[in-house]
Amino acid sequence: MNLTEHFDLNEFVRSATADKLGIKNEPSNEVIKNLHVLCVEILEPLRKFAKEPLQINSGFRCPALNMAVGGVSTSNHLFGFAADVKCSDWQKCLDWQGYIMLSCDFDECICERHGNSIWLHVSYRNNMPQRYRAFYIDKGVS
């Protein structure tokens, strides 16, 4: 199911952890609507800015999956409000964050580096006030 021109629902629900643990990560219609809005408000504009396809590392998480990956109980991922986008390097992550901060409404925009993995966490809370939280978490290679 296409959410927008460049994003498909499967990108937001697939999870190696869910597959490994036998967790059914199935979104409700409300979650699908929220994912569509996230794509329209943040991910499609970011893709146009980046001039390259975006790889979604994590999108919707049902409660069992969210717990399995150590997500917080109030995670925007639970509602289809958030996605983590893989970045090839730290500077690209910071550039993408800067674009979103200047060009989009957003709830959260967080550059994260844990070891060699780098991603940009973005969220848009559909029908709720946005908090405009932007920062970075750098736990890079020691």
C-alpha atoms as a PDB file:
ATOM      1  CA  MET A   1       0.000   0.000   0.000  1.00  0.00           C
ATOM      2  CA  ASN A   2       1.434   3.345  -1.059  1.00  0.00           C
ATOM      3  CA  LEU A   3       1.349   6.060   1.598  1.00  0.00           C
ATOM      4  CA  THR A   4       2.697   8.708  -0.790  1.00  0.00           C
ATOM      5  CA  GLU A   5       4.559   8.782  -4.084  1.00  0.00           C
ATOM      6  CA  HIS A   6       7.872   7.569  -2.619  1.00  0.00           C
ATOM      7  CA  PHE A   7       6.836   5.687   0.537  1.00  0.00           C
ATOM      8  CA  ASP A   8       5.100   2.367   1.026  1.00  0.00           C
ATOM      9  CA  LEU A   9       3.454   1.089   4.213  1.00  0.00           C
ATOM     10  CA  ASN A  10       5.718  -1.983   4.256  1.00  0.00           C
ATOM     11  CA  GLU A  11       8.748   0.270   4.858  1.00  0.00           C
ATOM     12  CA  PHE A  12       7.182   1.425   8.120  1.00  0.00           C
ATOM     13  CA  VAL A  13       6.035  -1.916   9.540  1.00  0.00           C
ATOM     14  CA  ARG A  14       8.842  -4.328   8.650  1.00  0.00           C
ATOM     15  CA  SER A  15      11.086  -5.315  11.508  1.00  0.00           C
ATOM     16  CA  ALA A  16      13.742  -8.001  11.866  1.00  0.00           C
ATOM     17  CA  THR A  17      13.066  -8.008  15.608  1.00  0.00           C
ATOM     18  CA  ALA A  18       9.343  -8.596  15.068  1.00  0.00           C
ATOM     19  CA  ASP A  19      10.103 -11.406  12.619  1.00  0.00           C
ATOM     20  CA  LYS A  20      12.598 -13.017  15.008  1.00  0.00           C
ATOM     21  CA  LEU A  21      10.197 -12.847  17.977  1.00  0.00           C
ATOM     22  CA  GLY A  22       7.011 -13.656  16.051  1.00  0.00           C
ATOM     23  CA  ILE A  23       5.435 -10.264  16.798  1.00  0.00           C
ATOM     24  CA  LYS A  24       2.660  -9.115  14.450  1.00  0.00           C
ATOM     25  CA  ASN A  25       3.412  -5.453  13.844  1.00  0.00           C
ATOM     26  CA  GLU A  26       0.077  -4.521  12.253  1.00  0.00           C
ATOM     27  CA  PRO A  27      -1.030  -0.866  12.222  1.00  0.00           C
ATOM     28  CA  SER A  28      -4.615   0.298  12.654  1.00  0.00           C
ATOM     29  CA  ASN A  29      -6.292   2.560  10.097  1.00  0.00           C
ATOM     30  CA  GLU A  30      -5.576   5.517  12.391  1.00  0.00           C
ATOM     31  CA  VAL A  31      -1.862   4.648  12.469  1.00  0.00           C
ATOM     32  CA  ILE A  32      -1.818   4.339   8.661  1.00  0.00           C
ATOM     33  CA  LYS A  33      -3.393   7.800   8.420  1.00  0.00           C
ATOM     34  CA  ASN A  34      -0.722   9.186  10.774  1.00  0.00           C
ATOM     35  CA  LEU A  35       2.066   7.581   8.721  1.00  0.00           C
ATOM     36  CA  HIS A  36       0.616   9.172   5.577  1.00  0.00           C
ATOM     37  CA  VAL A  37       0.664  12.609   7.235  1.00  0.00           C
ATOM     38  CA  LEU A  38       4.255  12.036   8.454  1.00  0.00           C
ATOM     39  CA  CYS A  39       5.263  11.285   4.866  1.00  0.00           C
ATOM     40  CA  VAL A  40       3.469  14.357   3.477  1.00  0.00           C
ATOM     41  CA  GLU A  41       4.708  16.790   6.150  1.00  0.00           C
ATOM     42  CA  ILE A  42       8.310  15.623   6.614  1.00  0.00           C
ATOM     43  CA  LEU A  43       9.543  12.650   4.595  1.00  0.00           C
ATOM     44  CA  GLU A  44       8.504  13.706   1.082  1.00  0.00           C
ATOM     45  CA  PRO A  45       9.965  17.226   1.537  1.00  0.00           C
ATOM     46  CA  LEU A  46      13.156  15.688   2.999  1.00  0.00           C
ATOM     47  CA  ARG A  47      13.459  13.277   0.076  1.00  0.00           C
ATOM     48  CA  LYS A  48      13.163  16.170  -2.366  1.00  0.00           C
ATOM     49  CA  PHE A  49      15.850  18.096  -0.444  1.00  0.00           C
ATOM     50  CA  ALA A  50      18.140  15.047  -0.171  1.00  0.00           C
ATOM     51  CA  LYS A  51      17.751  14.233  -3.885  1.00  0.00           C
ATOM     52  CA  GLU A  52      17.974  10.537  -3.036  1.00  0.00           C
ATOM     53  CA  PRO A  53      15.715   7.757  -1.761  1.00  0.00           C
ATOM     54  CA  LEU A  54      15.375   7.550   2.019  1.00  0.00           C
ATOM     55  CA  GLN A  55      15.714   4.261   3.890  1.00  0.00           C
ATOM     56  CA  ILE A  56      13.337   3.827   6.822  1.00  0.00           C
ATOM     57  CA  ASN A  57      15.005   1.872   9.658  1.00  0.00           C
ATOM     58  CA  SER A  58      12.043   1.993  12.011  1.00  0.00           C
ATOM     59  CA  GLY A  59       8.518   3.306  11.625  1.00  0.00           C
ATOM     60  CA  PHE A  60       5.414   2.025  13.372  1.00  0.00           C
ATOM     61  CA  ARG A  61       5.959  -0.197  16.409  1.00  0.00           C
ATOM     62  CA  CYS A  62       3.144  -2.075  18.105  1.00  0.00           C
ATOM     63  CA  PRO A  63       3.458  -2.132  21.922  1.00  0.00           C
ATOM     64  CA  ALA A  64       5.114  -5.594  21.985  1.00  0.00           C
ATOM     65  CA  LEU A  65       7.703  -4.563  19.381  1.00  0.00           C
ATOM     66  CA  ASN A  66       8.326  -1.224  21.070  1.00  0.00           C
ATOM     67  CA  MET A  67       9.029  -3.052  24.336  1.00  0.00           C
ATOM     68  CA  ALA A  68      11.242  -5.611  22.585  1.00  0.00           C
ATOM     69  CA  VAL A  69      13.473  -2.882  21.101  1.00  0.00           C
ATOM     70  CA  GLY A  70      13.643  -0.912  24.359  1.00  0.00           C
ATOM     71  CA  GLY A  71      11.427   1.965  23.221  1.00  0.00           C
ATOM     72  CA  VAL A  72       9.877   4.293  25.791  1.00  0.00           C
ATOM     73  CA  SER A  73       6.213   3.760  26.660  1.00  0.00           C
ATOM     74  CA  THR A  74       5.266   7.149  25.179  1.00  0.00           C
ATOM     75  CA  SER A  75       7.181   6.671  21.900  1.00  0.00           C
ATOM     76  CA  ASN A  76       5.805   8.461  18.845  1.00  0.00           C
ATOM     77  CA  HIS A  77       6.509   5.217  16.942  1.00  0.00           C
ATOM     78  CA  LEU A  78       3.531   3.615  18.731  1.00  0.00           C
ATOM     79  CA  PHE A  79       1.099   5.949  16.978  1.00  0.00           C
ATOM     80  CA  GLY A  80       2.666   6.155  13.523  1.00  0.00           C
ATOM     81  CA  PHE A  81       3.948   9.638  14.279  1.00  0.00           C
ATOM     82  CA  ALA A  82       7.671   8.796  13.895  1.00  0.00           C
ATOM     83  CA  ALA A  83      10.261   7.240  11.627  1.00  0.00           C
ATOM     84  CA  ASP A  84      14.002   6.696  11.815  1.00  0.00           C
ATOM     85  CA  VAL A  85      15.806   7.412   8.533  1.00  0.00           C
ATOM     86  CA  LYS A  86      19.203   5.829   7.888  1.00  0.00           C
ATOM     87  CA  CYS A  87      22.035   8.281   7.189  1.00  0.00           C
ATOM     88  CA  SER A  88      25.316   7.346   5.529  1.00  0.00           C
ATOM     89  CA  ASP A  89      27.318   9.837   7.595  1.00  0.00           C
ATOM     90  CA  TRP A  90      27.025  12.270  10.492  1.00  0.00           C
ATOM     91  CA  GLN A  91      27.267  15.434   8.392  1.00  0.00           C
ATOM     92  CA  LYS A  92      24.388  14.307   6.176  1.00  0.00           C
ATOM     93  CA  CYS A  93      22.301  13.652   9.285  1.00  0.00           C
ATOM     94  CA  LEU A  94      23.026  17.160  10.571  1.00  0.00           C
ATOM     95  CA  ASP A  95      22.278  18.688   7.146  1.00  0.00           C
ATOM     96  CA  TRP A  96      18.955  16.859   6.941  1.00  0.00           C
ATOM     97  CA  GLN A  97      18.100  17.936  10.482  1.00  0.00           C
ATOM     98  CA  GLY A  98      18.874  21.566   9.588  1.00  0.00           C
ATOM     99  CA  TYR A  99      16.604  21.379   6.548  1.00  0.00           C
ATOM    100  CA  ILE A 100      13.696  20.003   8.591  1.00  0.00           C
ATOM    101  CA  MET A 101      14.181  22.572  11.341  1.00  0.00           C
ATOM    102  CA  LEU A 102      14.028  25.435   8.823  1.00  0.00           C
ATOM    103  CA  SER A 103      11.454  24.087   6.383  1.00  0.00           C
ATOM    104  CA  CYS A 104       8.957  21.771   8.093  1.00  0.00           C
ATOM    105  CA  ASP A 105       6.585  21.610  10.993  1.00  0.00           C
ATOM    106  CA  PHE A 106       7.871  18.800  13.208  1.00  0.00           C
ATOM    107  CA  ASP A 107       7.531  17.371  16.672  1.00  0.00           C
ATOM    108  CA  GLU A 108      10.999  15.822  17.013  1.00  0.00           C
ATOM    109  CA  CYS A 109      14.086  15.888  14.802  1.00  0.00           C
ATOM    110  CA  ILE A 110      16.959  14.037  16.424  1.00  0.00           C
ATOM    111  CA  CYS A 111      20.299  13.048  14.893  1.00  0.00           C
ATOM    112  CA  GLU A 112      21.460   9.817  16.500  1.00  0.00           C
ATOM    113  CA  ARG A 113      24.754   7.963  16.258  1.00  0.00           C
ATOM    114  CA  HIS A 114      25.311   4.735  18.138  1.00  0.00           C
ATOM    115  CA  GLY A 115      28.603   3.135  17.158  1.00  0.00           C
ATOM    116  CA  ASN A 116      28.654   2.969  13.363  1.00  0.00           C
ATOM    117  CA  SER A 117      24.873   3.362  12.988  1.00  0.00           C
ATOM    118  CA  ILE A 118      23.580   6.843  12.138  1.00  0.00           C
ATOM    119  CA  TRP A 119      19.955   7.838  11.713  1.00  0.00           C
ATOM    120  CA  LEU A 120      17.615  10.804  11.861  1.00  0.00           C
ATOM    121  CA  HIS A 121      14.546  10.356  14.051  1.00  0.00           C
ATOM    122  CA  VAL A 122      11.696  12.518  12.780  1.00  0.00           C
ATOM    123  CA  SER A 123       8.161  12.865  14.072  1.00  0.00           C
ATOM    124  CA  TYR A 124       5.004  14.781  13.308  1.00  0.00           C
ATOM    125  CA  ARG A 125       2.079  14.468  15.724  1.00  0.00           C
ATOM    126  CA  ASN A 126      -1.037  14.523  13.567  1.00  0.00           C
ATOM    127  CA  ASN A 127      -3.827  16.719  15.009  1.00  0.00           C
ATOM    128  CA  MET A 128      -1.679  17.653  18.017  1.00  0.00           C
ATOM    129  CA  PRO A 129       0.606  20.588  18.821  1.00  0.00           C
ATOM    130  CA  GLN A 130       4.179  20.099  17.615  1.00  0.00           C
ATOM    131  CA  ARG A 131       6.927  20.488  20.239  1.00  0.00           C
ATOM    132  CA  TYR A 132       9.813  21.378  17.869  1.00  0.00           C
ATOM    133  CA  ARG A 133      12.326  19.288  19.821  1.00  0.00           C
ATOM    134  CA  ALA A 134      15.655  19.126  17.978  1.00  0.00           C
ATOM    135  CA  PHE A 135      18.949  17.845  19.338  1.00  0.00           C
ATOM    136  CA  TYR A 136      21.491  15.101  18.755  1.00  0.00           C
ATOM    137  CA  ILE A 137      22.658  12.001  20.577  1.00  0.00           C
ATOM    138  CA  ASP A 138      26.220  11.038  19.705  1.00  0.00           C
ATOM    139  CA  LYS A 139      27.442   7.733  21.099  1.00  0.00           C
ATOM    140  CA  GLY A 140      29.861   7.232  18.240  1.00  0.00           C
ATOM    141  CA  VAL A 141      32.733   4.835  17.949  1.00  0.00           C
ATOM    142  CA  SER A 142      35.111   5.092  20.914  1.00  0.00           C
END
